[in-house]
C-alpha atoms as a PDB file:
ATOM      1  CA  MET A   1      15.036  34.161 -43.475  1.00  0.00           C
ATOM      2  CA  ILE A   2      17.730  32.454 -45.430  1.00  0.00           C
ATOM      3  CA  ALA A   3      20.277  34.403 -43.354  1.00  0.00           C
ATOM      4  CA  LEU A   4      19.123  32.381 -40.317  1.00  0.00           C
ATOM      5  CA  LEU A   5      20.747  29.309 -41.886  1.00  0.00           C
ATOM      6  CA  ALA A   6      23.856  30.955 -43.298  1.00  0.00           C
ATOM      7  CA  VAL A   7      27.270  30.626 -41.793  1.00  0.00           C
ATOM      8  CA  ALA A   8      30.054  32.947 -42.900  1.00  0.00           C
ATOM      9  CA  TRP A   9      33.001  31.020 -44.352  1.00  0.00           C
ATOM     10  CA  GLY A  10      35.595  33.398 -45.614  1.00  0.00           C
ATOM     11  CA  GLY A  11      33.568  34.535 -48.544  1.00  0.00           C
ATOM     12  CA  THR A  12      33.708  31.043 -50.244  1.00  0.00           C
ATOM     13  CA  PHE A  13      31.422  28.168 -49.952  1.00  0.00           C
ATOM     14  CA  GLU A  14      32.223  24.490 -49.999  1.00  0.00           C
ATOM     15  CA  PRO A  15      30.246  22.420 -52.505  1.00  0.00           C
ATOM     16  CA  VAL A  16      28.268  19.355 -51.832  1.00  0.00           C
ATOM     17  CA  VAL A  17      30.336  16.468 -53.352  1.00  0.00           C
ATOM     18  CA  THR A  18      29.666  12.776 -53.676  1.00  0.00           C
ATOM     19  CA  GLU A  19      32.996  10.850 -54.384  1.00  0.00           C
ATOM     20  CA  LEU A  20      32.574   8.029 -56.916  1.00  0.00           C
ATOM     21  CA  GLY A  21      36.004   6.554 -56.954  1.00  0.00           C
ATOM     22  CA  GLY A  22      38.369   6.312 -60.033  1.00  0.00           C
ATOM     23  CA  GLY A  23      38.890  10.137 -60.265  1.00  0.00           C
ATOM     24  CA  ALA A  24      35.132  10.794 -60.583  1.00  0.00           C
ATOM     25  CA  ARG A  25      32.930  12.954 -58.267  1.00  0.00           C
ATOM     26  CA  ILE A  26      29.588  14.675 -58.452  1.00  0.00           C
ATOM     27  CA  ASP A  27      29.295  18.244 -57.441  1.00  0.00           C
ATOM     28  CA  TRP A  28      25.709  18.685 -56.483  1.00  0.00           C
ATOM     29  CA  THR A  29      26.048  22.405 -55.962  1.00  0.00           C
ATOM     30  CA  GLU A  30      27.231  23.093 -59.475  1.00  0.00           C
ATOM     31  CA  LEU A  31      25.311  20.049 -60.720  1.00  0.00           C
ATOM     32  CA  VAL A  32      28.089  18.533 -62.670  1.00  0.00           C
ATOM     33  CA  LEU A  33      29.763  15.097 -62.971  1.00  0.00           C
ATOM     34  CA  LEU A  34      33.575  15.704 -62.889  1.00  0.00           C
ATOM     35  CA  VAL A  35      36.034  13.051 -63.985  1.00  0.00           C
ATOM     36  CA  GLU A  36      39.798  13.618 -63.553  1.00  0.00           C
ATOM     37  CA  GLN A  37      42.414  11.400 -65.385  1.00  0.00           C
ATOM     38  CA  GLY A  38      46.178  11.656 -65.578  1.00  0.00           C
ATOM     39  CA  ARG A  39      48.749  10.189 -67.907  1.00  0.00           C
ATOM     40  CA  ALA A  40      52.537  10.251 -67.423  1.00  0.00           C
ATOM     41  CA  ARG A  41      54.950  10.320 -70.278  1.00  0.00           C
ATOM     42  CA  SER A  42      56.143   6.650 -70.843  1.00  0.00           C
ATOM     43  CA  GLY A  43      58.722   7.381 -73.534  1.00  0.00           C
ATOM     44  CA  SER A  44      59.384  10.112 -76.009  1.00  0.00           C
ATOM     45  CA  GLU A  45      55.787  11.251 -76.313  1.00  0.00           C
ATOM     46  CA  GLY A  46      55.293  15.037 -76.482  1.00  0.00           C
ATOM     47  CA  THR A  47      53.009  16.871 -74.182  1.00  0.00           C
ATOM     48  CA  LYS A  48      50.249  16.932 -76.752  1.00  0.00           C
ATOM     49  CA  ALA A  49      50.214  13.255 -77.189  1.00  0.00           C
ATOM     50  CA  VAL A  50      50.059  12.558 -73.428  1.00  0.00           C
ATOM     51  CA  GLU A  51      47.299  15.108 -73.053  1.00  0.00           C
ATOM     52  CA  GLU A  52      45.334  13.332 -75.731  1.00  0.00           C
ATOM     53  CA  LEU A  53      45.785   9.904 -73.930  1.00  0.00           C
ATOM     54  CA  ALA A  54      44.526  11.448 -70.758  1.00  0.00           C
ATOM     55  CA  ARG A  55      41.635  12.947 -72.575  1.00  0.00           C
ATOM     56  CA  ARG A  56      40.731   9.585 -73.956  1.00  0.00           C
ATOM     57  CA  ASP A  57      40.884   8.171 -70.388  1.00  0.00           C
ATOM     58  CA  VAL A  58      38.382  10.727 -69.287  1.00  0.00           C
ATOM     59  CA  ASP A  59      36.086   9.744 -72.113  1.00  0.00           C
ATOM     60  CA  ARG A  60      36.269   6.151 -71.149  1.00  0.00           C
ATOM     61  CA  ALA A  61      35.713   6.761 -67.484  1.00  0.00           C
ATOM     62  CA  MET A  62      32.768   9.080 -68.055  1.00  0.00           C
ATOM     63  CA  GLY A  63      30.236   6.318 -68.828  1.00  0.00           C
ATOM     64  CA  PRO A  64      30.882   4.115 -65.758  1.00  0.00           C
ATOM     65  CA  ALA A  65      30.929   7.335 -63.561  1.00  0.00           C
ATOM     66  CA  ALA A  66      27.647   8.590 -65.004  1.00  0.00           C
ATOM     67  CA  ALA A  67      26.028   5.100 -64.358  1.00  0.00           C
ATOM     68  CA  GLN A  68      26.435   5.851 -60.681  1.00  0.00           C
ATOM     69  CA  ILE A  69      24.485   9.051 -60.620  1.00  0.00           C
ATOM     70  CA  ARG A  70      21.493   8.750 -58.267  1.00  0.00           C
ATOM     71  CA  ILE A  71      18.553  10.314 -60.116  1.00  0.00           C
ATOM     72  CA  SER A  72      15.954   9.800 -57.489  1.00  0.00           C
ATOM     73  CA  PRO A  73      15.497   7.844 -54.228  1.00  0.00           C
ATOM     74  CA  ASP A  74      14.918   4.728 -56.171  1.00  0.00           C
ATOM     75  CA  ASP A  75      16.858   5.132 -59.420  1.00  0.00           C
ATOM     76  CA  THR A  76      20.378   5.427 -60.716  1.00  0.00           C
ATOM     77  CA  LEU A  77      21.423   6.208 -64.368  1.00  0.00           C
ATOM     78  CA  ALA A  78      22.465   2.564 -64.604  1.00  0.00           C
ATOM     79  CA  GLY A  79      18.841   1.571 -64.012  1.00  0.00           C
ATOM     80  CA  LEU A  80      17.704   3.279 -67.148  1.00  0.00           C
ATOM     81  CA  GLN A  81      20.015   1.341 -69.453  1.00  0.00           C
ATOM     82  CA  ASP A  82      17.159  -1.072 -70.252  1.00  0.00           C
ATOM     83  CA  SER A  83      14.629   1.608 -70.945  1.00  0.00           C
ATOM     84  CA  PRO A  84      13.860   1.804 -74.692  1.00  0.00           C
ATOM     85  CA  GLU A  85      12.241   5.044 -74.133  1.00  0.00           C
ATOM     86  CA  LEU A  86      14.862   6.999 -72.321  1.00  0.00           C
ATOM     87  CA  TRP A  87      18.255   5.403 -72.840  1.00  0.00           C
ATOM     88  CA  PRO A  88      18.577   6.083 -76.615  1.00  0.00           C
ATOM     89  CA  SER A  89      18.294   9.823 -75.752  1.00  0.00           C
ATOM     90  CA  ILE A  90      20.561   9.662 -72.608  1.00  0.00           C
ATOM     91  CA  GLU A  91      23.444   7.650 -73.947  1.00  0.00           C
ATOM     92  CA  PRO A  92      24.759  10.136 -76.561  1.00  0.00           C
ATOM     93  CA  ARG A  93      24.742  12.886 -73.974  1.00  0.00           C
ATOM     94  CA  ILE A  94      27.422  11.095 -71.903  1.00  0.00           C
ATOM     95  CA  GLY A  95      29.917  12.059 -74.534  1.00  0.00           C
ATOM     96  CA  ARG A  96      29.055  15.786 -74.368  1.00  0.00           C
ATOM     97  CA  TRP A  97      31.449  16.387 -71.527  1.00  0.00           C
ATOM     98  CA  VAL A  98      33.764  19.443 -71.741  1.00  0.00           C
ATOM     99  CA  GLU A  99      37.385  20.047 -70.584  1.00  0.00           C
ATOM    100  CA  THR A 100      37.490  22.400 -67.502  1.00  0.00           C
ATOM    101  CA  GLU A 101      40.976  22.160 -66.593  1.00  0.00           C
ATOM    102  CA  ASN A 102      44.330  20.762 -67.732  1.00  0.00           C
ATOM    103  CA  ARG A 103      47.318  20.513 -65.494  1.00  0.00           C
ATOM    104  CA  TYR A 104      50.967  20.056 -66.795  1.00  0.00           C
ATOM    105  CA  HIS A 105      53.345  18.613 -64.263  1.00  0.00           C
ATOM    106  CA  SER A 106      57.089  19.108 -64.218  1.00  0.00           C
ATOM    107  CA  SER A 107      57.411  15.150 -64.490  1.00  0.00           C
ATOM    108  CA  GLY A 108      55.681  15.332 -67.893  1.00  0.00           C
ATOM    109  CA  LYS A 109      52.412  14.053 -66.576  1.00  0.00           C
ATOM    110  CA  VAL A 110      49.271  15.712 -67.819  1.00  0.00           C
ATOM    111  CA  THR A 111      45.935  15.698 -65.891  1.00  0.00           C
ATOM    112  CA  VAL A 112      42.632  16.333 -67.708  1.00  0.00           C
ATOM    113  CA  ILE A 113      39.441  17.162 -65.903  1.00  0.00           C
ATOM    114  CA  GLY A 114      36.199  16.741 -67.782  1.00  0.00           C
ATOM    115  CA  ALA A 115      32.700  18.094 -66.628  1.00  0.00           C
ATOM    116  CA  LEU A 116      29.314  16.805 -67.719  1.00  0.00           C
ATOM    117  CA  SER A 117      26.250  18.863 -66.863  1.00  0.00           C
ATOM    118  CA  LEU A 118      23.652  16.837 -64.945  1.00  0.00           C
ATOM    119  CA  VAL A 119      20.837  19.050 -66.241  1.00  0.00           C
ATOM    120  CA  GLU A 120      21.887  18.332 -69.845  1.00  0.00           C
ATOM    121  CA  LEU A 121      22.566  14.608 -69.224  1.00  0.00           C
ATOM    122  CA  LEU A 122      19.207  13.944 -67.435  1.00  0.00           C
ATOM    123  CA  LYS A 123      17.178  16.277 -69.510  1.00  0.00           C
ATOM    124  CA  PRO A 124      15.373  13.302 -71.102  1.00  0.00           C
ATOM    125  CA  VAL A 125      14.354  12.065 -67.600  1.00  0.00           C
ATOM    126  CA  SER A 126      13.003  15.409 -66.589  1.00  0.00           C
ATOM    127  CA  MET A 127      11.223  15.999 -69.807  1.00  0.00           C
ATOM    128  CA  ALA A 128       9.518  12.431 -69.532  1.00  0.00           C
ATOM    129  CA  THR A 129       7.767  13.430 -66.407  1.00  0.00           C
ATOM    130  CA  ALA A 130       7.397  17.190 -66.904  1.00  0.00           C
ATOM    131  CA  THR A 131       4.007  18.727 -67.547  1.00  0.00           C
ATOM    132  CA  SER A 132       2.634  22.117 -68.709  1.00  0.00           C
ATOM    133  CA  ARG A 133       0.852  23.835 -65.981  1.00  0.00           C
ATOM    134  CA  THR A 134      -0.114  27.170 -64.646  1.00  0.00           C
ATOM    135  CA  GLY A 135      -1.448  27.661 -61.174  1.00  0.00           C
ATOM    136  CA  PRO A 136      -2.570  30.306 -58.634  1.00  0.00           C
ATOM    137  CA  ALA A 137      -0.259  33.029 -57.466  1.00  0.00           C
ATOM    138  CA  THR A 138       1.692  32.580 -54.239  1.00  0.00           C
ATOM    139  CA  ASP A 139       3.862  35.011 -52.097  1.00  0.00           C
ATOM    140  CA  LEU A 140       6.269  32.050 -51.522  1.00  0.00           C
ATOM    141  CA  THR A 141       9.288  31.907 -53.828  1.00  0.00           C
ATOM    142  CA  GLY A 142      10.875  28.512 -52.890  1.00  0.00           C
ATOM    143  CA  VAL A 143      11.882  26.208 -50.052  1.00  0.00           C
ATOM    144  CA  VAL A 144      15.160  25.937 -48.008  1.00  0.00           C
ATOM    145  CA  LEU A 145      15.449  22.789 -46.141  1.00  0.00           C
ATOM    146  CA  ASP A 146      18.211  22.400 -43.400  1.00  0.00           C
ATOM    147  CA  ALA A 147      19.391  18.829 -43.166  1.00  0.00           C
ATOM    148  CA  ARG A 148      22.743  19.394 -41.672  1.00  0.00           C
ATOM    149  CA  GLY A 149      23.888  16.751 -39.161  1.00  0.00           C
ATOM    150  CA  MET A 150      21.875  14.083 -41.004  1.00  0.00           C
ATOM    151  CA  GLU A 151      23.043  11.215 -43.125  1.00  0.00           C
ATOM    152  CA  VAL A 152      21.685  12.501 -46.463  1.00  0.00           C
ATOM    153  CA  ALA A 153      22.525  10.958 -49.817  1.00  0.00           C
ATOM    154  CA  PRO A 154      22.043  13.683 -52.451  1.00  0.00           C
ATOM    155  CA  CYS A 155      20.259  12.833 -55.685  1.00  0.00           C
ATOM    156  CA  PHE A 156      19.126  14.772 -58.671  1.00  0.00           C
ATOM    157  CA  ALA A 157      15.372  14.767 -57.773  1.00  0.00           C
ATOM    158  CA  PRO A 158      14.895  14.311 -53.935  1.00  0.00           C
ATOM    159  CA  GLU A 159      11.450  13.427 -52.550  1.00  0.00           C
ATOM    160  CA  VAL A 160       9.939  15.530 -49.771  1.00  0.00           C
ATOM    161  CA  ARG A 161       7.301  14.078 -47.522  1.00  0.00           C
ATOM    162  CA  GLY A 162       5.145  15.563 -44.836  1.00  0.00           C
ATOM    163  CA  PRO A 163       4.968  14.340 -41.213  1.00  0.00           C
ATOM    164  CA  GLY A 164       2.361  11.723 -42.115  1.00  0.00           C
ATOM    165  CA  GLY A 165       4.476  10.146 -44.864  1.00  0.00           C
ATOM    166  CA  GLU A 166       2.575  11.881 -47.778  1.00  0.00           C
ATOM    167  CA  THR A 167       4.585  13.005 -50.622  1.00  0.00           C
ATOM    168  CA  VAL A 168       4.518  16.873 -50.992  1.00  0.00           C
ATOM    169  CA  TYR A 169       7.289  17.169 -53.669  1.00  0.00           C
ATOM    170  CA  ASP A 170       8.604  14.513 -56.098  1.00  0.00           C
ATOM    171  CA  GLY A 171      11.002  16.465 -58.300  1.00  0.00           C
ATOM    172  CA  ARG A 172       8.526  16.978 -61.121  1.00  0.00           C
ATOM    173  CA  MET A 173       9.420  19.828 -63.396  1.00  0.00           C
ATOM    174  CA  TRP A 174       7.463  22.051 -65.654  1.00  0.00           C
ATOM    175  CA  LEU A 175       8.336  21.638 -69.472  1.00  0.00           C
ATOM    176  CA  GLU A 176       9.819  25.032 -69.813  1.00  0.00           C
ATOM    177  CA  SER A 177      12.046  24.679 -66.681  1.00  0.00           C
ATOM    178  CA  ALA A 178      13.163  21.132 -67.222  1.00  0.00           C
ATOM    179  CA  VAL A 179      15.469  22.221 -70.099  1.00  0.00           C
ATOM    180  CA  GLU A 180      17.359  24.560 -67.837  1.00  0.00           C
ATOM    181  CA  HIS A 181      17.166  23.619 -64.176  1.00  0.00           C
ATOM    182  CA  ALA A 182      17.507  20.697 -61.865  1.00  0.00           C
ATOM    183  CA  PRO A 183      14.581  19.883 -59.413  1.00  0.00           C
ATOM    184  CA  ALA A 184      16.884  20.807 -56.467  1.00  0.00           C
ATOM    185  CA  VAL A 185      20.187  22.332 -55.564  1.00  0.00           C
ATOM    186  CA  TRP A 186      22.387  21.084 -52.692  1.00  0.00           C
ATOM    187  CA  VAL A 187      24.629  23.497 -50.797  1.00  0.00           C
ATOM    188  CA  THR A 188      26.544  23.570 -47.543  1.00  0.00           C
ATOM    189  CA  ASP A 189      25.591  27.113 -46.730  1.00  0.00           C
ATOM    190  CA  ALA A 190      22.323  28.847 -47.482  1.00  0.00           C
ATOM    191  CA  ALA A 191      24.275  31.942 -48.311  1.00  0.00           C
ATOM    192  CA  ASP A 192      25.865  30.264 -51.270  1.00  0.00           C
ATOM    193  CA  PRO A 193      24.721  32.013 -54.564  1.00  0.00           C
ATOM    194  CA  ALA A 194      23.487  28.682 -55.790  1.00  0.00           C
ATOM    195  CA  ALA A 195      20.823  28.870 -53.058  1.00  0.00           C
ATOM    196  CA  ASP A 196      19.372  31.952 -54.806  1.00  0.00           C
ATOM    197  CA  ARG A 197      17.046  29.502 -56.603  1.00  0.00           C
ATOM    198  CA  ALA A 198      14.811  29.740 -53.587  1.00  0.00           C
ATOM    199  CA  GLY A 199      14.149  33.352 -54.099  1.00  0.00           C
ATOM    200  CA  SER A 200      13.587  36.083 -51.477  1.00  0.00           C
ATOM    201  CA  ASN A 201      10.668  34.644 -49.597  1.00  0.00           C
ATOM    202  CA  PRO A 202      11.169  30.920 -49.194  1.00  0.00           C
ATOM    203  CA  VAL A 203       9.819  28.507 -46.739  1.00  0.00           C
ATOM    204  CA  VAL A 204      12.627  27.731 -44.362  1.00  0.00           C
ATOM    205  CA  SER A 205      12.555  24.567 -42.253  1.00  0.00           C
ATOM    206  CA  ARG A 206      14.688  21.955 -40.496  1.00  0.00           C
ATOM    207  CA  VAL A 207      14.189  18.542 -41.845  1.00  0.00           C
ATOM    208  CA  LYS A 208      12.784  15.965 -39.316  1.00  0.00           C
ATOM    209  CA  SER A 209      14.452  12.943 -40.758  1.00  0.00           C
ATOM    210  CA  VAL A 210      16.027  11.600 -43.950  1.00  0.00           C
ATOM    211  CA  ASP A 211      16.191   8.232 -45.725  1.00  0.00           C
ATOM    212  CA  GLY A 212      18.730   8.601 -48.493  1.00  0.00           C
ATOM    213  CA  CYS A 213      17.391  11.413 -50.429  1.00  0.00           C
ATOM    214  CA  VAL A 214      13.799  11.229 -49.069  1.00  0.00           C
ATOM    215  CA  LEU A 215      13.390  14.316 -46.602  1.00  0.00           C
ATOM    216  CA  THR A 216      10.525  14.373 -44.195  1.00  0.00           C
ATOM    217  CA  VAL A 217       9.471  17.795 -43.075  1.00  0.00           C
ATOM    218  CA  PRO A 218       7.269  19.115 -40.373  1.00  0.00           C
ATOM    219  CA  GLU A 219       3.685  20.260 -40.963  1.00  0.00           C
ATOM    220  CA  ARG A 220       4.539  23.949 -41.694  1.00  0.00           C
ATOM    221  CA  ALA A 221       7.054  23.133 -44.301  1.00  0.00           C
ATOM    222  CA  ALA A 222       4.818  20.563 -45.894  1.00  0.00           C
ATOM    223  CA  THR A 223       1.956  23.078 -46.105  1.00  0.00           C
ATOM    224  CA  GLY A 224       4.191  25.591 -47.767  1.00  0.00           C
ATOM    225  CA  LEU A 225       5.434  22.985 -50.225  1.00  0.00           C
ATOM    226  CA  ALA A 226       1.863  21.999 -51.051  1.00  0.00           C
ATOM    227  CA  GLU A 227       1.145  25.592 -51.709  1.00  0.00           C
ATOM    228  CA  LEU A 228       4.029  25.945 -54.071  1.00  0.00           C
ATOM    229  CA  ALA A 229       3.078  22.734 -55.749  1.00  0.00           C
ATOM    230  CA  GLU A 230      -0.359  24.216 -56.535  1.00  0.00           C
ATOM    231  CA  SER A 231       1.400  27.252 -58.094  1.00  0.00           C
ATOM    232  CA  ARG A 232       3.892  26.954 -60.934  1.00  0.00           C
ATOM    233  CA  LEU A 233       6.985  27.693 -58.734  1.00  0.00           C
ATOM    234  CA  ALA A 234       7.646  24.088 -57.375  1.00  0.00           C
ATOM    235  CA  GLY A 235       8.214  22.972 -61.037  1.00  0.00           C
ATOM    236  CA  GLU A 236      10.912  25.536 -61.576  1.00  0.00           C
ATOM    237  CA  GLY A 237      13.473  23.899 -59.414  1.00  0.00           C
ATOM    238  CA  ARG A 238      12.973  26.023 -56.314  1.00  0.00           C
ATOM    239  CA  LEU A 239      14.121  23.570 -53.780  1.00  0.00           C
ATOM    240  CA  VAL A 240      17.406  24.232 -51.858  1.00  0.00           C
ATOM    241  CA  VAL A 241      18.758  21.563 -49.526  1.00  0.00           C
ATOM    242  CA  VAL A 242      21.497  22.489 -46.942  1.00  0.00           C
ATOM    243  CA  VAL A 243      23.783  19.684 -45.864  1.00  0.00           C
ATOM    244  CA  ASP A 244      27.042  19.156 -44.188  1.00  0.00           C
ATOM    245  CA  PRO A 245      30.251  19.260 -46.470  1.00  0.00           C
END
């Protein structure tokens, strides 16, 4: 059924990206915050010295960029800075970014790109709401929602509602899954390997309407999501949302 949504695109797939400005962006497909900073040689500095300056710029920019991450329809990371329960666990994680690419220009400029895993960064948030639960078996393996052509604002834990406005999925994870997975994955093509999270027998549905990262689905999809929620699969991050690039 996933193939019904897939569009061949030369064997590659464009990720879902939110530009934050200042060289920062969120890749919702790979679930990473990327910060790119460059430094030009201003004097007699060697390449290593310029590279270190660019690296420090990435480190300084990572915090303000992370603050803009939308966690849920109502919350950004900045909104958690006043939380004595969560912020002490989140703040040190901002510095755990890794260098993914360094570019050395003929002018002497050096560009450093740092990546911070959203799953690792937001693990305290996921764990705070996660529960241990086992449920009945189901033949369904996940959900693929097609929201292409709609003004969607991706977030870490989107909310899915049924046609009557009832919440059928709120991003809650199971404890053992919260340490490894995000509640949802965003793709521009359901054939993207990242969409494999939905498994081989997902509920596939067109989204009826969106409000930021609140997605309203028709009755059939809502019923399928409710069935998943009663099993243990919904809490394993089995939601895939297909949006425009």
